Amino acid sequence: MIRDRGVALRYANALFGAAHARGVTQQVLGDLVALEELEGKGSALQAFLESPSVLDEDKEALVVKVLRGRAEELTVQLVLLMLRKGRIQHLPLVQKPYRKLVEEMLGEERAEVVSAVPLDAATLERMRQGLEQATGKKIQVATEVDPSILGGVVVTVGGQILDSSLRTRLGSLREELMQARVH
């Protein structure tokens, strides 16, 4: 998996350099996000593109037919290159490092907020403002609901995890109680 990320990072860096030179970094990011959604785990498209029984020419023809004219040409060329190099399985991994490069260029940072229940817009806005003050960067918030954290939130920003989930606090309390000596 680490090796897969390394491959994806190399493609993301090369794609970013080419997209930046052409002034289309954000369009390419939009394409990568759309492709990730389209090519989700177990999708028919992913199965088709990764199938060893499908001719490479047929895969390339489908990519050109579906993407050309709808996506930035650099995105089309990336997918075709990854097909030709036998690296198409890494395509879904390219979006995250590419997004990070675009955000760095724009002075932005992405914060991932996980909560047990959906958070209202006002709460998310307060969190975003607080994170912007703490980091000095423009923050884009992505949310996820995970009932297993029981309550509170887990925020990941700039590689740091701020975990105030009820599950973590209860786990810490449990550890303290287990380590406490009873006299």
Protein backbone atom coordinates (compact mmCIF):
# COMPACT_ATOMS: atom_id res chain seq x y z
CA MET A 1 0.00 0.00 0.00
CA ILE A 2 2.85 2.40 0.78
CA ARG A 3 4.34 1.60 -2.62
CA ASP A 4 0.93 2.31 -4.21
CA ARG A 5 0.89 5.74 -2.56
CA GLY A 6 4.38 6.41 -3.89
CA VAL A 7 3.25 5.63 -7.43
CA ALA A 8 0.16 7.82 -6.99
CA LEU A 9 2.28 10.65 -5.57
CA ARG A 10 4.61 10.59 -8.59
CA TYR A 11 1.65 10.79 -10.97
CA ALA A 12 0.03 13.53 -8.86
CA ASN A 13 3.23 15.61 -8.88
CA ALA A 14 3.68 15.27 -12.63
CA LEU A 15 0.02 16.04 -13.28
CA PHE A 16 0.13 19.06 -11.00
CA GLY A 17 3.22 20.44 -12.76
CA ALA A 18 1.57 20.11 -16.17
CA ALA A 19 -1.79 21.46 -14.97
CA HIS A 20 -0.15 24.41 -13.20
CA ALA A 21 1.80 25.29 -16.33
CA ARG A 22 -1.45 25.32 -18.33
CA GLY A 23 -3.46 27.10 -15.63
CA VAL A 24 -5.98 24.27 -15.20
CA THR A 25 -5.16 22.90 -11.75
CA GLN A 26 -8.66 23.27 -10.34
CA GLN A 27 -10.37 21.86 -13.43
CA VAL A 28 -8.16 18.77 -13.23
CA LEU A 29 -8.96 18.43 -9.52
CA GLY A 30 -12.66 18.50 -10.36
CA ASP A 31 -12.08 15.79 -12.96
CA LEU A 32 -10.19 13.61 -10.47
CA VAL A 33 -12.97 13.97 -7.90
CA ALA A 34 -15.58 13.02 -10.51
CA LEU A 35 -13.49 10.05 -11.63
CA GLU A 36 -13.06 8.86 -8.06
CA GLU A 37 -16.83 8.94 -7.59
CA LEU A 38 -17.40 7.23 -10.94
CA GLU A 39 -14.72 4.62 -10.35
CA GLY A 40 -15.60 3.77 -6.75
CA LYS A 41 -14.72 0.42 -5.25
CA GLY A 42 -16.38 -2.39 -7.15
CA SER A 43 -17.70 -0.20 -9.98
CA ALA A 44 -18.24 -1.61 -13.45
CA LEU A 45 -15.87 1.00 -14.90
CA GLN A 46 -13.09 0.04 -12.51
CA ALA A 47 -13.61 -3.65 -13.25
CA PHE A 48 -13.54 -2.97 -16.99
CA LEU A 49 -10.38 -0.84 -16.88
CA GLU A 50 -8.53 -3.29 -14.63
CA SER A 51 -9.67 -6.47 -16.40
CA PRO A 52 -6.84 -8.42 -18.02
CA SER A 53 -9.33 -10.01 -20.41
CA VAL A 54 -10.28 -6.67 -22.01
CA LEU A 55 -8.01 -5.47 -24.80
CA ASP A 56 -6.04 -2.30 -24.02
CA GLU A 57 -7.36 -0.74 -27.24
CA ASP A 58 -10.94 -1.24 -26.01
CA LYS A 59 -10.10 0.33 -22.65
CA GLU A 60 -8.47 3.33 -24.33
CA ALA A 61 -11.39 3.72 -26.73
CA LEU A 62 -13.84 3.82 -23.81
CA VAL A 63 -11.75 6.39 -21.94
CA VAL A 64 -11.56 8.64 -25.00
CA LYS A 65 -15.29 8.23 -25.73
CA VAL A 66 -16.37 8.96 -22.14
CA LEU A 67 -13.86 11.64 -21.12
CA ARG A 68 -12.70 13.56 -24.19
CA GLY A 69 -14.64 16.81 -24.43
CA ARG A 70 -16.04 16.41 -20.91
CA ALA A 71 -12.81 16.46 -18.90
CA GLU A 72 -9.64 18.51 -19.15
CA GLU A 73 -7.34 16.97 -21.79
CA LEU A 74 -4.60 16.46 -19.17
CA THR A 75 -6.99 14.24 -17.21
CA VAL A 76 -7.71 12.18 -20.32
CA GLN A 77 -3.97 11.85 -20.99
CA LEU A 78 -3.33 10.80 -17.39
CA VAL A 79 -5.89 8.00 -17.56
CA LEU A 80 -4.54 6.82 -20.92
CA LEU A 81 -0.95 6.91 -19.63
CA MET A 82 -1.87 4.94 -16.52
CA LEU A 83 -3.64 2.38 -18.70
CA ARG A 84 -0.62 2.01 -20.99
CA LYS A 85 1.78 1.68 -18.05
CA GLY A 86 -0.41 -0.91 -16.30
CA ARG A 87 -1.01 1.46 -13.37
CA ILE A 88 -4.74 2.15 -13.74
CA GLN A 89 -5.45 0.59 -10.33
CA HIS A 90 -3.58 3.56 -8.81
CA LEU A 91 -5.85 6.17 -10.39
CA PRO A 92 -8.14 6.53 -7.34
CA LEU A 93 -5.08 7.21 -5.18
CA VAL A 94 -3.92 10.20 -7.28
CA GLN A 95 -6.71 12.58 -6.24
CA LYS A 96 -5.67 13.02 -2.60
CA PRO A 97 -2.02 14.05 -3.14
CA TYR A 98 -3.06 16.15 -6.14
CA ARG A 99 -5.67 17.93 -3.99
CA LYS A 100 -3.01 18.62 -1.37
CA LEU A 101 -0.75 20.24 -3.99
CA VAL A 102 -3.60 22.44 -5.24
CA GLU A 103 -4.51 23.45 -1.68
CA GLU A 104 -0.88 24.34 -0.90
CA MET A 105 -0.75 26.47 -4.04
CA LEU A 106 -3.93 28.29 -2.97
CA GLY A 107 -2.83 28.64 0.68
CA GLU A 108 -5.64 26.32 1.76
CA GLU A 109 -5.83 23.36 4.07
CA ARG A 110 -8.42 20.61 4.17
CA ALA A 111 -9.98 19.68 7.50
CA GLU A 112 -11.81 16.39 7.82
CA VAL A 113 -14.44 16.45 10.55
CA VAL A 114 -15.91 13.17 11.74
CA SER A 115 -18.90 13.31 14.06
CA ALA A 116 -21.39 10.81 15.46
CA VAL A 117 -24.31 12.79 14.03
CA PRO A 118 -24.53 15.32 11.20
CA LEU A 119 -23.38 18.80 12.26
CA ASP A 120 -25.39 21.89 11.41
CA ALA A 121 -24.01 24.61 9.14
CA ALA A 122 -23.48 27.11 11.98
CA THR A 123 -21.37 24.62 13.98
CA LEU A 124 -19.28 23.77 10.93
CA GLU A 125 -18.76 27.46 10.18
CA ARG A 126 -17.54 28.11 13.76
CA MET A 127 -15.17 25.14 13.49
CA ARG A 128 -13.88 26.39 10.12
CA GLN A 129 -13.25 29.89 11.49
CA GLY A 130 -11.48 28.52 14.57
CA LEU A 131 -9.28 26.28 12.44
CA GLU A 132 -8.45 29.19 10.12
CA GLN A 133 -7.35 31.26 13.11
CA ALA A 134 -5.27 28.39 14.49
CA THR A 135 -3.57 27.51 11.19
CA GLY A 136 -3.45 30.87 9.43
CA LYS A 137 -4.75 29.17 6.29
CA LYS A 138 -8.05 29.11 4.45
CA ILE A 139 -9.81 25.93 5.59
CA GLN A 140 -12.05 23.72 3.50
CA VAL A 141 -14.15 21.40 5.69
CA ALA A 142 -15.12 17.89 4.62
CA THR A 143 -17.52 16.05 6.91
CA GLU A 144 -18.21 12.43 7.64
CA VAL A 145 -20.71 10.83 10.00
CA ASP A 146 -19.47 7.83 12.01
CA PRO A 147 -21.84 6.74 14.81
CA SER A 148 -19.12 4.51 16.28
CA ILE A 149 -17.38 7.55 17.83
CA LEU A 150 -20.48 7.87 20.08
CA GLY A 151 -20.24 11.66 20.45
CA GLY A 152 -17.90 14.62 20.05
CA VAL A 153 -15.77 15.08 16.95
CA VAL A 154 -12.49 13.97 15.42
CA VAL A 155 -10.82 16.68 13.32
CA THR A 156 -7.86 15.98 11.06
CA VAL A 157 -6.07 19.04 9.68
CA GLY A 158 -2.51 19.46 8.48
CA GLY A 159 -1.61 15.91 9.43
CA GLN A 160 -2.69 16.47 13.03
CA ILE A 161 -5.61 14.68 14.65
CA LEU A 162 -7.68 16.47 17.27
CA ASP A 163 -9.75 13.71 18.85
CA SER A 164 -12.44 14.77 21.30
CA SER A 165 -14.70 11.83 20.59
CA LEU A 166 -16.61 10.24 23.41
CA ARG A 167 -15.22 6.85 22.39
CA THR A 168 -11.63 8.07 22.89
CA ARG A 169 -12.42 9.82 26.17
CA LEU A 170 -14.14 6.68 27.51
CA GLY A 171 -11.19 4.58 26.37
CA SER A 172 -8.77 6.87 28.19
CA LEU A 173 -10.88 6.77 31.33
CA ARG A 174 -10.99 2.97 31.11
CA GLU A 175 -7.18 2.83 30.83
CA GLU A 176 -6.79 5.14 33.84
CA LEU A 177 -9.14 2.98 35.88
CA MET A 178 -7.33 -0.20 34.86
CA GLN A 179 -3.98 1.29 35.87
CA ALA A 180 -5.23 2.73 39.15
CA ARG A 181 -4.27 0.79 42.20
CA VAL A 182 -7.03 -0.09 44.56
CA HIS A 183 -5.90 0.13 48.20
